[in-house]
């Protein structure tokens, strides 16, 4: 299931690219130029990185919503060409 979320994601709201991948059975999220964030699963579609109070909620394999500090940002999987 986690492998279906793997890929590079972009947002039209903020200029940030996020890579999502699986490592050691955990979903890892890494913003461009930033360290890897090992998330904790709250459900099959919701993941958190508690130290930075960031939540990732997937609405399928093609996108997720990032929630932090009362703000929400939609990300869509970037299409490889």
N, C-alpha and C. Protein backbone atom coordinates (compact mmCIF):
# COMPACT_ATOMS: atom_id res chain seq x y z
N UNK A 1 0.82 -1.20 0.00
CA UNK A 1 0.00 0.00 0.00
C UNK A 1 0.87 1.27 0.00
N UNK A 2 1.88 1.31 0.86
CA UNK A 2 2.72 2.50 0.94
C UNK A 2 3.42 2.80 -0.37
N UNK A 3 3.84 1.76 -1.09
CA UNK A 3 4.55 1.96 -2.35
C UNK A 3 3.71 2.74 -3.36
N UNK A 4 2.40 2.66 -3.26
CA UNK A 4 1.53 3.41 -4.16
C UNK A 4 1.63 4.91 -3.99
N UNK A 5 2.12 5.36 -2.84
CA UNK A 5 2.27 6.79 -2.58
C UNK A 5 3.60 7.34 -3.07
N UNK A 6 4.55 6.46 -3.42
CA UNK A 6 5.88 6.91 -3.81
C UNK A 6 5.84 7.79 -5.06
N UNK A 7 6.69 8.82 -5.05
CA UNK A 7 6.78 9.70 -6.20
C UNK A 7 7.18 11.10 -5.78
N UNK A 8 7.23 11.99 -6.75
CA UNK A 8 7.52 13.40 -6.51
C UNK A 8 6.22 14.19 -6.63
N UNK A 9 6.01 15.09 -5.71
CA UNK A 9 4.79 15.87 -5.65
C UNK A 9 5.10 17.35 -5.68
N UNK A 10 4.20 18.12 -6.31
CA UNK A 10 4.33 19.57 -6.38
C UNK A 10 3.01 20.22 -5.99
N UNK A 11 3.10 21.47 -5.54
CA UNK A 11 1.92 22.23 -5.15
C UNK A 11 1.82 23.50 -5.99
N UNK A 12 0.60 23.88 -6.32
CA UNK A 12 0.40 25.16 -7.00
C UNK A 12 0.34 26.30 -5.99
N UNK A 13 0.23 25.96 -4.71
CA UNK A 13 0.11 26.97 -3.66
C UNK A 13 1.46 27.48 -3.15
N UNK A 14 2.46 26.59 -3.10
CA UNK A 14 3.79 26.98 -2.62
C UNK A 14 4.84 26.33 -3.53
N UNK A 15 5.97 27.01 -3.71
CA UNK A 15 7.02 26.49 -4.60
C UNK A 15 7.89 25.45 -3.89
N UNK A 16 7.34 24.26 -3.70
CA UNK A 16 8.04 23.23 -2.95
C UNK A 16 7.78 21.88 -3.61
N UNK A 17 8.87 21.13 -3.84
CA UNK A 17 8.72 19.78 -4.37
C UNK A 17 9.02 18.81 -3.24
N UNK A 18 8.17 17.81 -3.10
CA UNK A 18 8.30 16.82 -2.04
C UNK A 18 8.41 15.43 -2.64
N UNK A 19 9.42 14.70 -2.18
CA UNK A 19 9.62 13.32 -2.60
C UNK A 19 9.06 12.41 -1.51
N UNK A 20 8.28 11.41 -1.91
CA UNK A 20 7.70 10.45 -0.98
C UNK A 20 8.21 9.07 -1.37
N UNK A 21 8.73 8.33 -0.39
CA UNK A 21 9.24 6.99 -0.66
C UNK A 21 9.15 6.13 0.60
N UNK A 22 9.33 4.84 0.42
CA UNK A 22 9.27 3.89 1.53
C UNK A 22 10.69 3.45 1.87
N UNK A 23 11.01 3.47 3.16
CA UNK A 23 12.33 3.05 3.64
C UNK A 23 12.13 2.31 4.95
N UNK A 24 12.62 1.10 5.03
CA UNK A 24 12.49 0.28 6.24
C UNK A 24 11.03 0.14 6.68
N UNK A 25 10.13 0.04 5.70
CA UNK A 25 8.71 -0.16 6.00
C UNK A 25 7.96 1.08 6.46
N UNK A 26 8.61 2.23 6.40
CA UNK A 26 7.96 3.49 6.82
C UNK A 26 7.87 4.44 5.65
N UNK A 27 6.84 5.28 5.68
CA UNK A 27 6.68 6.30 4.65
C UNK A 27 7.59 7.48 5.00
N UNK A 28 8.47 7.82 4.07
CA UNK A 28 9.42 8.91 4.26
C UNK A 28 9.03 10.06 3.34
N UNK A 29 9.07 11.27 3.88
CA UNK A 29 8.74 12.47 3.12
C UNK A 29 9.96 13.38 3.17
N UNK A 30 10.37 13.89 2.00
CA UNK A 30 11.54 14.75 1.96
C UNK A 30 11.31 15.92 1.01
N UNK A 31 11.29 17.11 1.56
CA UNK A 31 11.18 18.32 0.74
C UNK A 31 12.54 18.58 0.12
N UNK A 32 12.56 19.17 -1.07
CA UNK A 32 13.81 19.45 -1.78
C UNK A 32 14.77 20.23 -0.88
N UNK A 33 16.00 19.70 -0.74
CA UNK A 33 17.02 20.38 0.05
C UNK A 33 16.87 20.21 1.55
N UNK A 34 15.94 19.38 1.99
CA UNK A 34 15.67 19.19 3.42
C UNK A 34 15.96 17.74 3.82
N UNK A 35 16.10 17.49 5.13
CA UNK A 35 16.32 16.11 5.58
C UNK A 35 15.07 15.25 5.43
N UNK A 36 15.26 13.95 5.47
CA UNK A 36 14.13 13.00 5.39
C UNK A 36 13.31 13.07 6.68
N UNK A 37 11.99 12.95 6.53
CA UNK A 37 11.09 12.91 7.68
C UNK A 37 10.42 11.54 7.70
N UNK A 38 10.72 10.75 8.71
CA UNK A 38 10.09 9.43 8.86
C UNK A 38 8.75 9.63 9.55
N UNK A 39 7.67 9.33 8.84
CA UNK A 39 6.34 9.59 9.37
C UNK A 39 5.82 8.41 10.17
N UNK A 40 4.79 8.68 10.96
CA UNK A 40 4.07 7.66 11.71
C UNK A 40 2.67 7.57 11.14
N UNK A 41 2.21 6.36 10.86
CA UNK A 41 0.88 6.18 10.29
C UNK A 41 -0.20 6.34 11.36
N UNK A 42 -1.20 7.16 11.06
CA UNK A 42 -2.39 7.28 11.90
C UNK A 42 -3.51 6.42 11.34
N UNK A 43 -3.46 6.21 10.03
CA UNK A 43 -4.42 5.36 9.32
C UNK A 43 -3.75 5.00 7.99
N UNK A 44 -4.50 4.36 7.11
CA UNK A 44 -3.95 3.99 5.81
C UNK A 44 -3.67 5.20 4.92
N UNK A 45 -4.28 6.35 5.24
CA UNK A 45 -4.12 7.54 4.41
C UNK A 45 -3.56 8.75 5.15
N UNK A 46 -3.44 8.66 6.47
CA UNK A 46 -2.96 9.80 7.27
C UNK A 46 -1.65 9.45 7.96
N UNK A 47 -0.67 10.37 7.82
CA UNK A 47 0.65 10.18 8.39
C UNK A 47 1.09 11.48 9.06
N UNK A 48 1.86 11.36 10.14
CA UNK A 48 2.33 12.55 10.85
C UNK A 48 3.83 12.48 11.08
N UNK A 49 4.42 13.66 11.13
CA UNK A 49 5.78 13.82 11.61
C UNK A 49 5.65 14.72 12.83
N UNK A 50 5.57 14.10 13.98
CA UNK A 50 5.23 14.80 15.23
C UNK A 50 6.22 15.90 15.63
N UNK A 51 7.55 15.71 15.49
CA UNK A 51 8.46 16.78 15.93
C UNK A 51 8.19 18.14 15.29
N UNK A 52 7.69 18.15 14.05
CA UNK A 52 7.41 19.43 13.38
C UNK A 52 5.91 19.68 13.25
N UNK A 53 5.10 18.80 13.86
CA UNK A 53 3.65 18.94 13.83
C UNK A 53 3.12 19.06 12.40
N UNK A 54 3.56 18.13 11.54
CA UNK A 54 3.15 18.10 10.14
C UNK A 54 2.30 16.86 9.90
N UNK A 55 1.18 17.03 9.22
CA UNK A 55 0.32 15.90 8.86
C UNK A 55 0.20 15.83 7.34
N UNK A 56 0.25 14.61 6.84
CA UNK A 56 0.09 14.33 5.41
C UNK A 56 -1.13 13.45 5.27
N UNK A 57 -2.13 13.90 4.52
CA UNK A 57 -3.33 13.10 4.30
C UNK A 57 -3.49 12.85 2.80
N UNK A 58 -3.35 11.58 2.41
CA UNK A 58 -3.43 11.20 1.01
C UNK A 58 -4.88 11.02 0.59
N UNK A 59 -5.20 11.54 -0.60
CA UNK A 59 -6.56 11.38 -1.15
C UNK A 59 -6.49 10.44 -2.35
N UNK A 60 -5.57 9.49 -2.27
CA UNK A 60 -5.32 8.54 -3.35
C UNK A 60 -3.84 8.55 -3.64
N UNK A 61 -3.43 7.79 -4.66
CA UNK A 61 -2.01 7.70 -4.98
C UNK A 61 -1.50 8.92 -5.74
N UNK A 62 -2.39 9.83 -6.13
CA UNK A 62 -1.97 10.97 -6.95
C UNK A 62 -1.89 12.30 -6.21
N UNK A 63 -2.20 12.32 -4.92
CA UNK A 63 -2.13 13.59 -4.22
C UNK A 63 -2.31 13.47 -2.73
N UNK A 64 -1.89 14.53 -2.04
CA UNK A 64 -2.07 14.59 -0.59
C UNK A 64 -2.22 16.04 -0.15
N UNK A 65 -2.70 16.21 1.06
CA UNK A 65 -2.79 17.52 1.68
C UNK A 65 -1.79 17.57 2.82
N UNK A 66 -0.95 18.60 2.82
CA UNK A 66 0.00 18.82 3.90
C UNK A 66 -0.64 19.83 4.85
N UNK A 67 -0.66 19.49 6.14
CA UNK A 67 -1.24 20.38 7.14
C UNK A 67 -0.17 20.71 8.18
N UNK A 68 0.04 22.02 8.39
CA UNK A 68 1.00 22.47 9.39
C UNK A 68 0.67 23.88 9.82
N UNK A 69 0.71 24.10 11.11
CA UNK A 69 0.50 25.45 11.66
C UNK A 69 -0.81 26.09 11.24
N UNK A 70 -1.87 25.30 11.12
CA UNK A 70 -3.16 25.83 10.75
C UNK A 70 -3.33 26.09 9.26
N UNK A 71 -2.32 25.78 8.48
CA UNK A 71 -2.40 25.96 7.03
C UNK A 71 -2.48 24.61 6.34
N UNK A 72 -3.09 24.59 5.16
CA UNK A 72 -3.17 23.37 4.37
C UNK A 72 -2.71 23.66 2.95
N UNK A 73 -1.98 22.71 2.39
CA UNK A 73 -1.45 22.84 1.05
C UNK A 73 -1.71 21.54 0.29
N UNK A 74 -2.28 21.65 -0.89
CA UNK A 74 -2.56 20.49 -1.73
C UNK A 74 -1.34 20.20 -2.61
N UNK A 75 -0.98 18.93 -2.68
CA UNK A 75 0.11 18.48 -3.54
C UNK A 75 -0.40 17.42 -4.49
N UNK A 76 0.06 17.47 -5.73
CA UNK A 76 -0.29 16.48 -6.75
C UNK A 76 0.98 15.82 -7.24
N UNK A 77 0.88 14.53 -7.57
CA UNK A 77 2.03 13.80 -8.07
C UNK A 77 2.46 14.39 -9.41
N UNK A 78 3.75 14.66 -9.51
CA UNK A 78 4.31 15.20 -10.75
C UNK A 78 4.39 14.08 -11.77
N UNK A 79 4.01 14.38 -12.99
CA UNK A 79 4.03 13.40 -14.06
C UNK A 79 5.42 13.37 -14.69
N UNK A 80 6.01 12.19 -14.75
CA UNK A 80 7.32 12.03 -15.38
C UNK A 80 7.17 11.96 -16.89
N UNK A 81 8.08 12.60 -17.59
CA UNK A 81 8.03 12.58 -19.06
C UNK A 81 9.28 11.99 -19.62
